[in-house]
Amino acid sequence: MTQPSLAAAAPALTVREHQVLEQLAGGATYRAIARRLNLSPHTVDTYLRRIRSKTGAVNRTQLALLAFSLGHGPARG
């Protein structure tokens, strides 16, 4: 299994891609991400495909690990 290229991933992602990734790391579904960010579920899927392409992540688990390594994740409190 190939690990996402974390060093190259952070600068290559757009602000919106980081927002989508943060929501994913919090456990949100595509539909919930779409609702929270005022997007369509199809657009969320497009953003996640772009993130996977840029980082080499191949599944949702690797995207979540990438998000955590970039400082995204569920809010604590």
PDB file of N, CA and C in Angstrom:
ATOM      1  N   MET A   1       0.848  -1.176   0.000  1.00  0.00           N
ATOM      2  CA  MET A   1       0.000   0.000   0.000  1.00  0.00           C
ATOM      3  C   MET A   1       0.892   1.237   0.000  1.00  0.00           C
ATOM      4  N   THR A   2       0.625   2.168  -0.881  1.00  0.00           N
ATOM      5  CA  THR A   2       1.406   3.385  -1.017  1.00  0.00           C
ATOM      6  C   THR A   2       0.901   4.447  -0.043  1.00  0.00           C
ATOM      7  N   GLN A   3       1.808   5.070   0.685  1.00  0.00           N
ATOM      8  CA  GLN A   3       1.440   6.138   1.600  1.00  0.00           C
ATOM      9  C   GLN A   3       1.368   7.452   0.834  1.00  0.00           C
ATOM     10  N   PRO A   4       0.409   8.332   1.202  1.00  0.00           N
ATOM     11  CA  PRO A   4       0.343   9.636   0.551  1.00  0.00           C
ATOM     12  C   PRO A   4       1.634  10.415   0.784  1.00  0.00           C
ATOM     13  N   SER A   5       2.032  11.200  -0.190  1.00  0.00           N
ATOM     14  CA  SER A   5       3.221  12.029  -0.066  1.00  0.00           C
ATOM     15  C   SER A   5       2.866  13.273   0.741  1.00  0.00           C
ATOM     16  N   LEU A   6       3.081  13.210   2.049  1.00  0.00           N
ATOM     17  CA  LEU A   6       2.654  14.279   2.932  1.00  0.00           C
ATOM     18  C   LEU A   6       3.410  15.575   2.697  1.00  0.00           C
ATOM     19  N   ALA A   7       4.689  15.483   2.461  1.00  0.00           N
ATOM     20  CA  ALA A   7       5.487  16.698   2.267  1.00  0.00           C
ATOM     21  C   ALA A   7       5.020  17.481   1.049  1.00  0.00           C
ATOM     22  N   ALA A   8       4.685  16.780  -0.010  1.00  0.00           N
ATOM     23  CA  ALA A   8       4.249  17.446  -1.235  1.00  0.00           C
ATOM     24  C   ALA A   8       2.766  17.796  -1.208  1.00  0.00           C
ATOM     25  N   ALA A   9       2.003  17.126  -0.355  1.00  0.00           N
ATOM     26  CA  ALA A   9       0.542  17.291  -0.367  1.00  0.00           C
ATOM     27  C   ALA A   9       0.093  18.638   0.165  1.00  0.00           C
ATOM     28  N   ALA A  10       0.624  19.062   1.285  1.00  0.00           N
ATOM     29  CA  ALA A  10       0.125  20.274   1.946  1.00  0.00           C
ATOM     30  C   ALA A  10       0.169  21.509   1.054  1.00  0.00           C
ATOM     31  N   PRO A  11       1.304  21.845   0.440  1.00  0.00           N
ATOM     32  CA  PRO A  11       1.319  23.054  -0.375  1.00  0.00           C
ATOM     33  C   PRO A  11       0.503  22.932  -1.659  1.00  0.00           C
ATOM     34  N   ALA A  12       0.293  21.720  -2.136  1.00  0.00           N
ATOM     35  CA  ALA A  12      -0.407  21.536  -3.404  1.00  0.00           C
ATOM     36  C   ALA A  12      -1.922  21.640  -3.272  1.00  0.00           C
ATOM     37  N   LEU A  13      -2.442  21.508  -2.060  1.00  0.00           N
ATOM     38  CA  LEU A  13      -3.892  21.539  -1.869  1.00  0.00           C
ATOM     39  C   LEU A  13      -4.406  22.966  -1.772  1.00  0.00           C
ATOM     40  N   THR A  14      -5.589  23.171  -2.354  1.00  0.00           N
ATOM     41  CA  THR A  14      -6.221  24.488  -2.277  1.00  0.00           C
ATOM     42  C   THR A  14      -6.888  24.650  -0.908  1.00  0.00           C
ATOM     43  N   VAL A  15      -7.298  25.868  -0.611  1.00  0.00           N
ATOM     44  CA  VAL A  15      -8.000  26.136   0.645  1.00  0.00           C
ATOM     45  C   VAL A  15      -9.258  25.284   0.720  1.00  0.00           C
ATOM     46  N   ARG A  16     -10.012  25.211  -0.354  1.00  0.00           N
ATOM     47  CA  ARG A  16     -11.261  24.446  -0.368  1.00  0.00           C
ATOM     48  C   ARG A  16     -10.981  22.960  -0.180  1.00  0.00           C
ATOM     49  N   GLU A  17      -9.911  22.454  -0.792  1.00  0.00           N
ATOM     50  CA  GLU A  17      -9.553  21.048  -0.607  1.00  0.00           C
ATOM     51  C   GLU A  17      -9.225  20.769   0.855  1.00  0.00           C
ATOM     52  N   HIS A  18      -8.533  21.692   1.508  1.00  0.00           N
ATOM     53  CA  HIS A  18      -8.266  21.537   2.938  1.00  0.00           C
ATOM     54  C   HIS A  18      -9.566  21.525   3.738  1.00  0.00           C
ATOM     55  N   GLN A  19     -10.525  22.365   3.365  1.00  0.00           N
ATOM     56  CA  GLN A  19     -11.809  22.398   4.062  1.00  0.00           C
ATOM     57  C   GLN A  19     -12.547  21.067   3.923  1.00  0.00           C
ATOM     58  N   VAL A  20     -12.565  20.533   2.733  1.00  0.00           N
ATOM     59  CA  VAL A  20     -13.226  19.250   2.490  1.00  0.00           C
ATOM     60  C   VAL A  20     -12.518  18.144   3.262  1.00  0.00           C
ATOM     61  N   LEU A  21     -11.203  18.147   3.233  1.00  0.00           N
ATOM     62  CA  LEU A  21     -10.407  17.145   3.938  1.00  0.00           C
ATOM     63  C   LEU A  21     -10.643  17.226   5.441  1.00  0.00           C
ATOM     64  N   GLU A  22     -10.753  18.432   5.964  1.00  0.00           N
ATOM     65  CA  GLU A  22     -11.014  18.608   7.394  1.00  0.00           C
ATOM     66  C   GLU A  22     -12.372  18.015   7.781  1.00  0.00           C
ATOM     67  N   GLN A  23     -13.372  18.235   6.953  1.00  0.00           N
ATOM     68  CA  GLN A  23     -14.700  17.678   7.213  1.00  0.00           C
ATOM     69  C   GLN A  23     -14.659  16.147   7.160  1.00  0.00           C
ATOM     70  N   LEU A  24     -13.939  15.605   6.198  1.00  0.00           N
ATOM     71  CA  LEU A  24     -13.797  14.161   6.076  1.00  0.00           C
ATOM     72  C   LEU A  24     -13.130  13.586   7.323  1.00  0.00           C
ATOM     73  N   ALA A  25     -12.087  14.259   7.810  1.00  0.00           N
ATOM     74  CA  ALA A  25     -11.368  13.796   8.996  1.00  0.00           C
ATOM     75  C   ALA A  25     -12.263  13.808  10.226  1.00  0.00           C
ATOM     76  N   GLY A  26     -13.253  14.689  10.225  1.00  0.00           N
ATOM     77  CA  GLY A  26     -14.201  14.744  11.326  1.00  0.00           C
ATOM     78  C   GLY A  26     -15.273  13.677  11.248  1.00  0.00           C
ATOM     79  N   GLY A  27     -15.230  12.853  10.214  1.00  0.00           N
ATOM     80  CA  GLY A  27     -16.165  11.751  10.086  1.00  0.00           C
ATOM     81  C   GLY A  27     -17.401  12.056   9.268  1.00  0.00           C
ATOM     82  N   ALA A  28     -17.429  13.202   8.611  1.00  0.00           N
ATOM     83  CA  ALA A  28     -18.609  13.590   7.828  1.00  0.00           C
ATOM     84  C   ALA A  28     -18.723  12.776   6.545  1.00  0.00           C
ATOM     85  N   THR A  29     -19.961  12.498   6.162  1.00  0.00           N
ATOM     86  CA  THR A  29     -20.233  11.833   4.885  1.00  0.00           C
ATOM     87  C   THR A  29     -20.129  12.868   3.761  1.00  0.00           C
ATOM     88  N   TYR A  30     -20.106  12.385   2.524  1.00  0.00           N
ATOM     89  CA  TYR A  30     -20.061  13.306   1.386  1.00  0.00           C
ATOM     90  C   TYR A  30     -21.245  14.262   1.438  1.00  0.00           C
ATOM     91  N   ARG A  31     -22.420  13.726   1.745  1.00  0.00           N
ATOM     92  CA  ARG A  31     -23.630  14.556   1.801  1.00  0.00           C
ATOM     93  C   ARG A  31     -23.527  15.607   2.906  1.00  0.00           C
ATOM     94  N   ALA A  32     -22.995  15.224   4.075  1.00  0.00           N
ATOM     95  CA  ALA A  32     -22.845  16.172   5.178  1.00  0.00           C
ATOM     96  C   ALA A  32     -21.811  17.247   4.837  1.00  0.00           C
ATOM     97  N   ILE A  33     -20.725  16.840   4.200  1.00  0.00           N
ATOM     98  CA  ILE A  33     -19.707  17.811   3.780  1.00  0.00           C
ATOM     99  C   ILE A  33     -20.330  18.803   2.805  1.00  0.00           C
ATOM    100  N   ALA A  34     -21.085  18.278   1.856  1.00  0.00           N
ATOM    101  CA  ALA A  34     -21.738  19.133   0.859  1.00  0.00           C
ATOM    102  C   ALA A  34     -22.661  20.143   1.531  1.00  0.00           C
ATOM    103  N   ARG A  35     -23.448  19.682   2.474  1.00  0.00           N
ATOM    104  CA  ARG A  35     -24.388  20.561   3.172  1.00  0.00           C
ATOM    105  C   ARG A  35     -23.644  21.636   3.963  1.00  0.00           C
ATOM    106  N   ARG A  36     -22.606  21.234   4.692  1.00  0.00           N
ATOM    107  CA  ARG A  36     -21.846  22.175   5.532  1.00  0.00           C
ATOM    108  C   ARG A  36     -21.104  23.226   4.721  1.00  0.00           C
ATOM    109  N   LEU A  37     -20.616  22.842   3.543  1.00  0.00           N
ATOM    110  CA  LEU A  37     -19.820  23.757   2.719  1.00  0.00           C
ATOM    111  C   LEU A  37     -20.619  24.356   1.563  1.00  0.00           C
ATOM    112  N   ASN A  38     -21.915  24.094   1.555  1.00  0.00           N
ATOM    113  CA  ASN A  38     -22.803  24.619   0.515  1.00  0.00           C
ATOM    114  C   ASN A  38     -22.347  24.192  -0.886  1.00  0.00           C
ATOM    115  N   LEU A  39     -22.102  22.890  -1.026  1.00  0.00           N
ATOM    116  CA  LEU A  39     -21.686  22.284  -2.288  1.00  0.00           C
ATOM    117  C   LEU A  39     -22.638  21.147  -2.619  1.00  0.00           C
ATOM    118  N   SER A  40     -22.528  20.614  -3.818  1.00  0.00           N
ATOM    119  CA  SER A  40     -23.270  19.400  -4.147  1.00  0.00           C
ATOM    120  C   SER A  40     -22.400  18.194  -3.751  1.00  0.00           C
ATOM    121  N   PRO A  41     -23.025  17.048  -3.463  1.00  0.00           N
ATOM    122  CA  PRO A  41     -22.234  15.848  -3.170  1.00  0.00           C
ATOM    123  C   PRO A  41     -21.287  15.491  -4.325  1.00  0.00           C
ATOM    124  N   HIS A  42     -21.708  15.763  -5.552  1.00  0.00           N
ATOM    125  CA  HIS A  42     -20.844  15.501  -6.712  1.00  0.00           C
ATOM    126  C   HIS A  42     -19.574  16.361  -6.647  1.00  0.00           C
ATOM    127  N   THR A  43     -19.721  17.622  -6.244  1.00  0.00           N
ATOM    128  CA  THR A  43     -18.562  18.511  -6.130  1.00  0.00           C
ATOM    129  C   THR A  43     -17.626  18.033  -5.026  1.00  0.00           C
ATOM    130  N   VAL A  44     -18.179  17.557  -3.924  1.00  0.00           N
ATOM    131  CA  VAL A  44     -17.355  17.002  -2.838  1.00  0.00           C
ATOM    132  C   VAL A  44     -16.561  15.820  -3.375  1.00  0.00           C
ATOM    133  N   ASP A  45     -17.222  14.951  -4.116  1.00  0.00           N
ATOM    134  CA  ASP A  45     -16.536  13.805  -4.711  1.00  0.00           C
ATOM    135  C   ASP A  45     -15.406  14.271  -5.627  1.00  0.00           C
ATOM    136  N   THR A  46     -15.652  15.307  -6.409  1.00  0.00           N
ATOM    137  CA  THR A  46     -14.625  15.849  -7.301  1.00  0.00           C
ATOM    138  C   THR A  46     -13.429  16.361  -6.499  1.00  0.00           C
ATOM    139  N   TYR A  47     -13.684  17.107  -5.440  1.00  0.00           N
ATOM    140  CA  TYR A  47     -12.586  17.597  -4.599  1.00  0.00           C
ATOM    141  C   TYR A  47     -11.783  16.431  -4.020  1.00  0.00           C
ATOM    142  N   LEU A  48     -12.463  15.412  -3.537  1.00  0.00           N
ATOM    143  CA  LEU A  48     -11.752  14.277  -2.939  1.00  0.00           C
ATOM    144  C   LEU A  48     -10.966  13.492  -3.981  1.00  0.00           C
ATOM    145  N   ARG A  49     -11.495  13.391  -5.199  1.00  0.00           N
ATOM    146  CA  ARG A  49     -10.720  12.749  -6.272  1.00  0.00           C
ATOM    147  C   ARG A  49      -9.464  13.550  -6.588  1.00  0.00           C
ATOM    148  N   ARG A  50      -9.579  14.876  -6.607  1.00  0.00           N
ATOM    149  CA  ARG A  50      -8.405  15.727  -6.855  1.00  0.00           C
ATOM    150  C   ARG A  50      -7.367  15.575  -5.745  1.00  0.00           C
ATOM    151  N   ILE A  51      -7.834  15.520  -4.509  1.00  0.00           N
ATOM    152  CA  ILE A  51      -6.920  15.347  -3.378  1.00  0.00           C
ATOM    153  C   ILE A  51      -6.202  14.006  -3.494  1.00  0.00           C
ATOM    154  N   ARG A  52      -6.964  12.938  -3.809  1.00  0.00           N
ATOM    155  CA  ARG A  52      -6.333  11.624  -3.976  1.00  0.00           C
ATOM    156  C   ARG A  52      -5.303  11.654  -5.100  1.00  0.00           C
ATOM    157  N   SER A  53      -5.611  12.340  -6.172  1.00  0.00           N
ATOM    158  CA  SER A  53      -4.686  12.433  -7.296  1.00  0.00           C
ATOM    159  C   SER A  53      -3.403  13.168  -6.906  1.00  0.00           C
ATOM    160  N   LYS A  54      -3.545  14.256  -6.176  1.00  0.00           N
ATOM    161  CA  LYS A  54      -2.386  15.060  -5.779  1.00  0.00           C
ATOM    162  C   LYS A  54      -1.517  14.370  -4.737  1.00  0.00           C
ATOM    163  N   THR A  55      -2.127  13.549  -3.882  1.00  0.00           N
ATOM    164  CA  THR A  55      -1.398  12.987  -2.744  1.00  0.00           C
ATOM    165  C   THR A  55      -1.033  11.521  -2.894  1.00  0.00           C
ATOM    166  N   GLY A  56      -1.686  10.825  -3.815  1.00  0.00           N
ATOM    167  CA  GLY A  56      -1.433   9.398  -3.955  1.00  0.00           C
ATOM    168  C   GLY A  56      -2.282   8.552  -3.022  1.00  0.00           C
ATOM    169  N   ALA A  57      -3.158   9.175  -2.240  1.00  0.00           N
ATOM    170  CA  ALA A  57      -4.064   8.415  -1.377  1.00  0.00           C
ATOM    171  C   ALA A  57      -5.008   7.614  -2.275  1.00  0.00           C
ATOM    172  N   VAL A  58      -5.319   6.382  -1.855  1.00  0.00           N
ATOM    173  CA  VAL A  58      -6.162   5.545  -2.696  1.00  0.00           C
ATOM    174  C   VAL A  58      -7.528   5.255  -2.088  1.00  0.00           C
ATOM    175  N   ASN A  59      -7.741   5.649  -0.838  1.00  0.00           N
ATOM    176  CA  ASN A  59      -9.040   5.388  -0.220  1.00  0.00           C
ATOM    177  C   ASN A  59      -9.324   6.410   0.886  1.00  0.00           C
ATOM    178  N   ARG A  60     -10.513   6.316   1.441  1.00  0.00           N
ATOM    179  CA  ARG A  60     -10.968   7.262   2.468  1.00  0.00           C
ATOM    180  C   ARG A  60     -10.082   7.193   3.726  1.00  0.00           C
ATOM    181  N   THR A  61      -9.624   6.010   4.071  1.00  0.00           N
ATOM    182  CA  THR A  61      -8.765   5.854   5.250  1.00  0.00           C
ATOM    183  C   THR A  61      -7.465   6.620   5.069  1.00  0.00           C
ATOM    184  N   GLN A  62      -6.837   6.492   3.912  1.00  0.00           N
ATOM    185  CA  GLN A  62      -5.597   7.223   3.665  1.00  0.00           C
ATOM    186  C   GLN A  62      -5.846   8.722   3.642  1.00  0.00           C
ATOM    187  N   LEU A  63      -7.007   9.154   3.131  1.00  0.00           N
ATOM    188  CA  LEU A  63      -7.337  10.582   3.159  1.00  0.00           C
ATOM    189  C   LEU A  63      -7.466  11.068   4.604  1.00  0.00           C
ATOM    190  N   ALA A  64      -8.088  10.264   5.454  1.00  0.00           N
ATOM    191  CA  ALA A  64      -8.230  10.640   6.862  1.00  0.00           C
ATOM    192  C   ALA A  64      -6.862  10.726   7.529  1.00  0.00           C
ATOM    193  N   LEU A  65      -5.983   9.769   7.262  1.00  0.00           N
ATOM    194  CA  LEU A  65      -4.629   9.814   7.825  1.00  0.00           C
ATOM    195  C   LEU A  65      -3.880  11.052   7.343  1.00  0.00           C
ATOM    196  N   LEU A  66      -4.039  11.379   6.086  1.00  0.00           N
ATOM    197  CA  LEU A  66      -3.430  12.580   5.538  1.00  0.00           C
ATOM    198  C   LEU A  66      -3.959  13.811   6.260  1.00  0.00           C
ATOM    199  N   ALA A  67      -5.273  13.865   6.439  1.00  0.00           N
ATOM    200  CA  ALA A  67      -5.893  15.004   7.118  1.00  0.00           C
ATOM    201  C   ALA A  67      -5.341  15.160   8.531  1.00  0.00           C
ATOM    202  N   PHE A  68      -5.242  14.057   9.262  1.00  0.00           N
ATOM    203  CA  PHE A  68      -4.722  14.117  10.631  1.00  0.00           C
ATOM    204  C   PHE A  68      -3.278  14.604  10.638  1.00  0.00           C
ATOM    205  N   SER A  69      -2.487  14.147   9.675  1.00  0.00           N
ATOM    206  CA  SER A  69      -1.074  14.565   9.616  1.00  0.00           C
ATOM    207  C   SER A  69      -0.941  16.048   9.286  1.00  0.00           C
ATOM    208  N   LEU A  70      -1.955  16.618   8.633  1.00  0.00           N
ATOM    209  CA  LEU A  70      -1.951  18.039   8.300  1.00  0.00           C
ATOM    210  C   LEU A  70      -2.603  18.896   9.389  1.00  0.00           C
ATOM    211  N   GLY A  71      -2.992  18.256  10.482  1.00  0.00           N
ATOM    212  CA  GLY A  71      -3.564  18.993  11.599  1.00  0.00           C
ATOM    213  C   GLY A  71      -5.070  19.113  11.582  1.00  0.00           C
ATOM    214  N   HIS A  72      -5.726  18.415  10.651  1.00  0.00           N
ATOM    215  CA  HIS A  72      -7.186  18.412  10.605  1.00  0.00           C
ATOM    216  C   HIS A  72      -7.686  17.244  11.434  1.00  0.00           C
ATOM    217  N   GLY A  73      -8.871  17.364  11.933  1.00  0.00           N
ATOM    218  CA  GLY A  73      -9.457  16.268  12.678  1.00  0.00           C
ATOM    219  C   GLY A  73     -10.641  16.733  13.475  1.00  0.00           C
ATOM    220  N   PRO A  74     -11.246  15.827  14.209  1.00  0.00           N
ATOM    221  CA  PRO A  74     -12.415  16.200  14.986  1.00  0.00           C
ATOM    222  C   PRO A  74     -12.076  17.234  16.048  1.00  0.00           C
ATOM    223  N   ALA A  75     -13.003  18.143  16.274  1.00  0.00           N
ATOM    224  CA  ALA A  75     -12.801  19.182  17.303  1.00  0.00           C
ATOM    225  C   ALA A  75     -12.814  18.520  18.679  1.00  0.00           C
ATOM    226  N   ARG A  76     -11.948  18.985  19.527  1.00  0.00           N
ATOM    227  CA  ARG A  76     -11.887  18.461  20.894  1.00  0.00           C
ATOM    228  C   ARG A  76     -12.387  19.514  21.849  1.00  0.00           C
ATOM    229  N   GLY A  77     -13.031  19.074  22.883  1.00  0.00           N
ATOM    230  CA  GLY A  77     -13.492  20.076  23.828  1.00  0.00           C
ATOM    231  C   GLY A  77     -14.390  19.534  24.765  1.00  0.00           C
TER     232      GLY A  77
END
